[in-house]
Amino acid sequence: GPVAETFRVIQGAMTEEYVRNTQGVFQFELSGDGGGTWYIDLKTKGGSAGFGKPPVAADVVMSMSSADFVKMFTGKLKPFMAIMPGNSSIKSDMILTLSLEK
């Protein structure tokens, strides 16, 4: 589905430099089609992304619909808009969250 496809693209786009510069672990609690717990680990060497809980504790946990998640990563919804009140619930470091835009 679109969520799994988005994570495949994210995984493919990871670079050592990006992991080194970001140093954050993002966990997504997605509702709707293809939902569940997914993660992007930009802290552990090499980085990783996929379904399930991250291998280390998440720095940022975002809850949103899977549709909004896909929009966010296809550039239709800026991360800042996705985390505005009412669109999702987020427990995080704001600076780290905005680094996802890169």
N, C-alpha and C. Protein backbone atom coordinates (compact mmCIF):
# COMPACT_ATOMS: atom_id res chain seq x y z
N GLY A 1 0.82 -1.21 0.00
CA GLY A 1 0.00 0.00 0.00
C GLY A 1 0.85 1.26 0.00
N PRO A 2 0.22 2.42 -0.03
CA PRO A 2 0.94 3.69 -0.10
C PRO A 2 1.87 3.93 1.09
N VAL A 3 1.48 3.48 2.28
CA VAL A 3 2.32 3.69 3.47
C VAL A 3 3.62 2.89 3.34
N ALA A 4 3.49 1.61 3.02
CA ALA A 4 4.66 0.74 2.86
C ALA A 4 5.57 1.27 1.75
N GLU A 5 4.96 1.74 0.67
CA GLU A 5 5.71 2.28 -0.46
C GLU A 5 6.50 3.53 -0.03
N THR A 6 5.85 4.39 0.75
CA THR A 6 6.51 5.60 1.25
C THR A 6 7.72 5.23 2.10
N PHE A 7 7.57 4.22 2.97
CA PHE A 7 8.70 3.81 3.80
C PHE A 7 9.83 3.19 2.97
N ARG A 8 9.48 2.51 1.88
CA ARG A 8 10.52 1.97 0.98
C ARG A 8 11.33 3.11 0.37
N VAL A 9 10.64 4.17 -0.03
CA VAL A 9 11.30 5.34 -0.62
C VAL A 9 12.20 6.02 0.42
N ILE A 10 11.68 6.18 1.64
CA ILE A 10 12.46 6.80 2.72
C ILE A 10 13.72 5.98 2.99
N GLN A 11 13.56 4.69 3.11
CA GLN A 11 14.71 3.79 3.35
C GLN A 11 15.75 3.95 2.24
N GLY A 12 15.28 4.02 1.01
CA GLY A 12 16.18 4.15 -0.13
C GLY A 12 16.90 5.49 -0.20
N ALA A 13 16.31 6.51 0.44
CA ALA A 13 16.88 7.86 0.37
C ALA A 13 17.86 8.16 1.50
N MET A 14 17.99 7.23 2.44
CA MET A 14 18.86 7.48 3.59
C MET A 14 20.33 7.45 3.22
N THR A 15 21.07 8.38 3.80
CA THR A 15 22.52 8.40 3.62
C THR A 15 23.16 8.49 5.00
N GLU A 16 24.41 8.04 5.09
CA GLU A 16 25.15 8.13 6.35
C GLU A 16 25.19 9.58 6.84
N GLU A 17 25.39 10.50 5.89
CA GLU A 17 25.50 11.91 6.22
C GLU A 17 24.19 12.42 6.84
N TYR A 18 23.09 12.01 6.25
CA TYR A 18 21.78 12.43 6.74
C TYR A 18 21.55 11.91 8.16
N VAL A 19 21.91 10.64 8.37
CA VAL A 19 21.76 10.04 9.70
C VAL A 19 22.63 10.80 10.71
N ARG A 20 23.87 11.07 10.32
CA ARG A 20 24.81 11.79 11.19
C ARG A 20 24.29 13.19 11.53
N ASN A 21 23.71 13.86 10.54
CA ASN A 21 23.23 15.23 10.75
C ASN A 21 21.91 15.32 11.51
N THR A 22 21.08 14.29 11.42
CA THR A 22 19.75 14.36 12.04
C THR A 22 19.77 13.85 13.48
N GLN A 23 20.31 12.65 13.68
CA GLN A 23 20.39 12.05 15.01
C GLN A 23 19.04 12.05 15.73
N GLY A 24 18.04 11.53 15.06
CA GLY A 24 16.71 11.45 15.67
C GLY A 24 16.00 10.18 15.26
N VAL A 25 15.11 9.72 16.14
CA VAL A 25 14.30 8.54 15.83
C VAL A 25 12.83 8.97 15.89
N PHE A 26 12.13 8.70 14.80
CA PHE A 26 10.74 9.13 14.65
C PHE A 26 9.83 7.91 14.64
N GLN A 27 8.80 7.96 15.47
CA GLN A 27 7.82 6.87 15.50
C GLN A 27 6.49 7.44 15.05
N PHE A 28 5.80 6.72 14.20
CA PHE A 28 4.50 7.16 13.66
C PHE A 28 3.42 6.17 14.07
N GLU A 29 2.39 6.70 14.72
CA GLU A 29 1.22 5.88 15.05
C GLU A 29 0.17 6.26 14.03
N LEU A 30 0.01 5.42 13.02
CA LEU A 30 -0.88 5.77 11.91
C LEU A 30 -2.22 5.07 12.02
N SER A 31 -3.28 5.82 11.75
CA SER A 31 -4.62 5.26 11.75
C SER A 31 -5.09 5.14 10.31
N GLY A 32 -6.04 4.26 10.08
CA GLY A 32 -6.58 4.11 8.73
C GLY A 32 -5.83 3.06 7.93
N ASP A 33 -5.96 3.15 6.62
CA ASP A 33 -5.41 2.17 5.69
C ASP A 33 -3.89 2.06 5.81
N GLY A 34 -3.39 0.86 6.05
CA GLY A 34 -1.94 0.66 6.17
C GLY A 34 -1.38 1.22 7.46
N GLY A 35 -2.26 1.45 8.43
CA GLY A 35 -1.86 2.04 9.70
C GLY A 35 -1.08 1.10 10.58
N GLY A 36 -0.87 1.54 11.82
CA GLY A 36 -0.08 0.79 12.77
C GLY A 36 1.12 1.61 13.20
N THR A 37 2.10 0.96 13.81
CA THR A 37 3.29 1.64 14.26
C THR A 37 4.39 1.47 13.22
N TRP A 38 4.97 2.59 12.79
CA TRP A 38 6.06 2.61 11.82
C TRP A 38 7.15 3.51 12.39
N TYR A 39 8.34 3.40 11.85
CA TYR A 39 9.41 4.25 12.38
C TYR A 39 10.43 4.64 11.30
N ILE A 40 11.15 5.72 11.60
CA ILE A 40 12.32 6.13 10.82
C ILE A 40 13.42 6.35 11.84
N ASP A 41 14.49 5.57 11.74
CA ASP A 41 15.61 5.69 12.65
C ASP A 41 16.75 6.42 11.95
N LEU A 42 16.95 7.68 12.35
CA LEU A 42 18.05 8.47 11.79
C LEU A 42 19.07 8.74 12.88
N LYS A 43 19.34 7.71 13.67
CA LYS A 43 20.29 7.83 14.76
C LYS A 43 21.28 6.67 14.73
N THR A 44 20.76 5.46 14.57
CA THR A 44 21.60 4.26 14.53
C THR A 44 22.38 4.25 13.21
N LYS A 45 23.61 3.78 13.26
CA LYS A 45 24.47 3.77 12.07
C LYS A 45 23.76 3.19 10.85
N GLY A 46 23.80 3.93 9.77
CA GLY A 46 23.17 3.47 8.53
C GLY A 46 21.71 3.85 8.41
N GLY A 47 21.05 4.00 9.55
CA GLY A 47 19.63 4.37 9.54
C GLY A 47 18.76 3.21 9.09
N SER A 48 17.50 3.29 9.41
CA SER A 48 16.54 2.29 8.95
C SER A 48 15.13 2.86 9.06
N ALA A 49 14.22 2.22 8.39
CA ALA A 49 12.82 2.65 8.44
C ALA A 49 11.96 1.44 8.17
N GLY A 50 10.77 1.42 8.74
CA GLY A 50 9.89 0.30 8.46
C GLY A 50 8.76 0.16 9.45
N PHE A 51 8.14 -1.02 9.41
CA PHE A 51 6.98 -1.30 10.23
C PHE A 51 7.43 -1.77 11.61
N GLY A 52 6.70 -1.35 12.63
CA GLY A 52 6.98 -1.79 13.98
C GLY A 52 7.62 -0.70 14.82
N LYS A 53 8.02 -1.06 16.02
CA LYS A 53 8.66 -0.10 16.91
C LYS A 53 10.11 0.11 16.48
N PRO A 54 10.64 1.34 16.68
CA PRO A 54 12.04 1.56 16.32
C PRO A 54 12.97 0.73 17.21
N PRO A 55 14.18 0.44 16.70
CA PRO A 55 15.13 -0.38 17.47
C PRO A 55 15.61 0.30 18.75
N VAL A 56 15.55 1.62 18.77
CA VAL A 56 15.90 2.37 19.99
C VAL A 56 14.73 3.31 20.29
N ALA A 57 14.69 3.85 21.49
CA ALA A 57 13.57 4.72 21.90
C ALA A 57 13.40 5.90 20.94
N ALA A 58 12.15 6.20 20.60
CA ALA A 58 11.85 7.30 19.69
C ALA A 58 12.02 8.65 20.38
N ASP A 59 12.57 9.62 19.64
CA ASP A 59 12.67 10.99 20.13
C ASP A 59 11.38 11.75 19.84
N VAL A 60 10.72 11.35 18.78
CA VAL A 60 9.50 12.01 18.34
C VAL A 60 8.46 10.94 18.07
N VAL A 61 7.26 11.12 18.63
CA VAL A 61 6.15 10.20 18.33
C VAL A 61 5.03 11.03 17.71
N MET A 62 4.61 10.67 16.52
CA MET A 62 3.53 11.39 15.84
C MET A 62 2.37 10.45 15.61
N SER A 63 1.18 10.95 15.89
CA SER A 63 -0.03 10.19 15.59
C SER A 63 -0.81 10.94 14.53
N MET A 64 -1.10 10.27 13.44
CA MET A 64 -1.86 10.91 12.36
C MET A 64 -2.49 9.83 11.49
N SER A 65 -3.29 10.26 10.54
CA SER A 65 -3.89 9.28 9.63
C SER A 65 -2.83 8.86 8.61
N SER A 66 -2.96 7.65 8.11
CA SER A 66 -1.99 7.17 7.12
C SER A 66 -2.05 8.06 5.86
N ALA A 67 -3.23 8.58 5.54
CA ALA A 67 -3.38 9.46 4.37
C ALA A 67 -2.55 10.73 4.55
N ASP A 68 -2.60 11.33 5.76
CA ASP A 68 -1.81 12.54 6.03
C ASP A 68 -0.32 12.22 5.99
N PHE A 69 0.05 11.05 6.50
CA PHE A 69 1.46 10.65 6.50
C PHE A 69 1.99 10.59 5.06
N VAL A 70 1.24 9.92 4.19
CA VAL A 70 1.67 9.80 2.79
C VAL A 70 1.75 11.18 2.15
N LYS A 71 0.77 12.04 2.42
CA LYS A 71 0.79 13.41 1.87
C LYS A 71 2.01 14.17 2.36
N MET A 72 2.34 13.99 3.65
CA MET A 72 3.46 14.70 4.23
C MET A 72 4.75 14.34 3.50
N PHE A 73 4.92 13.05 3.20
CA PHE A 73 6.17 12.61 2.58
C PHE A 73 6.17 12.70 1.07
N THR A 74 5.02 13.03 0.47
CA THR A 74 5.04 13.26 -0.97
C THR A 74 5.00 14.76 -1.23
N GLY A 75 5.20 15.55 -0.17
CA GLY A 75 5.32 16.99 -0.33
C GLY A 75 4.02 17.74 -0.45
N LYS A 76 2.88 17.05 -0.26
CA LYS A 76 1.59 17.74 -0.37
C LYS A 76 1.20 18.40 0.94
N LEU A 77 1.87 17.99 2.01
CA LEU A 77 1.53 18.51 3.33
C LEU A 77 2.84 18.72 4.06
N LYS A 78 3.20 19.96 4.29
CA LYS A 78 4.46 20.22 4.99
C LYS A 78 4.38 19.65 6.40
N PRO A 79 5.48 19.08 6.91
CA PRO A 79 5.45 18.55 8.28
C PRO A 79 4.89 19.54 9.29
N PHE A 80 5.22 20.83 9.12
CA PHE A 80 4.73 21.82 10.07
C PHE A 80 3.20 21.88 10.06
N MET A 81 2.59 21.77 8.87
CA MET A 81 1.13 21.79 8.78
C MET A 81 0.54 20.52 9.40
N ALA A 82 1.23 19.41 9.20
CA ALA A 82 0.73 18.13 9.70
C ALA A 82 0.69 18.10 11.22
N ILE A 83 1.55 18.89 11.85
CA ILE A 83 1.62 18.83 13.31
C ILE A 83 0.89 19.98 13.98
N MET A 84 0.17 20.78 13.20
CA MET A 84 -0.62 21.84 13.80
C MET A 84 -1.76 21.21 14.60
N PRO A 85 -2.20 21.87 15.66
CA PRO A 85 -3.27 21.32 16.49
C PRO A 85 -4.47 20.90 15.64
N GLY A 86 -5.02 19.76 15.98
CA GLY A 86 -6.20 19.30 15.26
C GLY A 86 -5.87 18.28 14.18
N ASN A 87 -4.67 18.36 13.61
CA ASN A 87 -4.31 17.43 12.54
C ASN A 87 -3.68 16.16 13.07
N SER A 88 -2.96 16.27 14.16
CA SER A 88 -2.31 15.09 14.70
C SER A 88 -1.92 15.39 16.13
N SER A 89 -1.53 14.36 16.85
CA SER A 89 -0.99 14.63 18.16
C SER A 89 0.48 14.30 18.08
N ILE A 90 1.28 15.11 18.73
CA ILE A 90 2.71 14.94 18.61
C ILE A 90 3.37 15.17 19.95
N LYS A 91 4.31 14.29 20.29
CA LYS A 91 5.10 14.48 21.50
C LYS A 91 6.52 14.55 21.00
N SER A 92 7.12 15.74 21.01
CA SER A 92 8.40 15.80 20.34
C SER A 92 9.21 17.04 20.61
N ASP A 93 10.37 16.98 20.01
CA ASP A 93 11.27 18.11 19.91
C ASP A 93 10.94 18.75 18.56
N MET A 94 10.43 19.97 18.60
CA MET A 94 9.97 20.67 17.40
C MET A 94 11.06 20.81 16.33
N ILE A 95 12.27 21.14 16.77
CA ILE A 95 13.38 21.33 15.83
C ILE A 95 13.65 20.03 15.07
N LEU A 96 13.66 18.93 15.80
CA LEU A 96 13.90 17.62 15.21
C LEU A 96 12.80 17.29 14.21
N THR A 97 11.58 17.61 14.56
CA THR A 97 10.45 17.34 13.68
C THR A 97 10.61 18.09 12.37
N LEU A 98 10.99 19.36 12.45
CA LEU A 98 11.14 20.16 11.24
C LEU A 98 12.31 19.70 10.40
N SER A 99 13.29 19.02 11.02
CA SER A 99 14.43 18.48 10.26
C SER A 99 13.96 17.39 9.30
N LEU A 100 12.78 16.82 9.55
CA LEU A 100 12.21 15.81 8.65
C LEU A 100 11.92 16.41 7.27
N GLU A 101 11.69 17.72 7.23
CA GLU A 101 11.40 18.37 5.93
C GLU A 101 12.52 18.14 4.94
N LYS A 102 13.75 18.07 5.45
CA LYS A 102 14.89 17.82 4.57
C LYS A 102 14.77 16.45 3.92
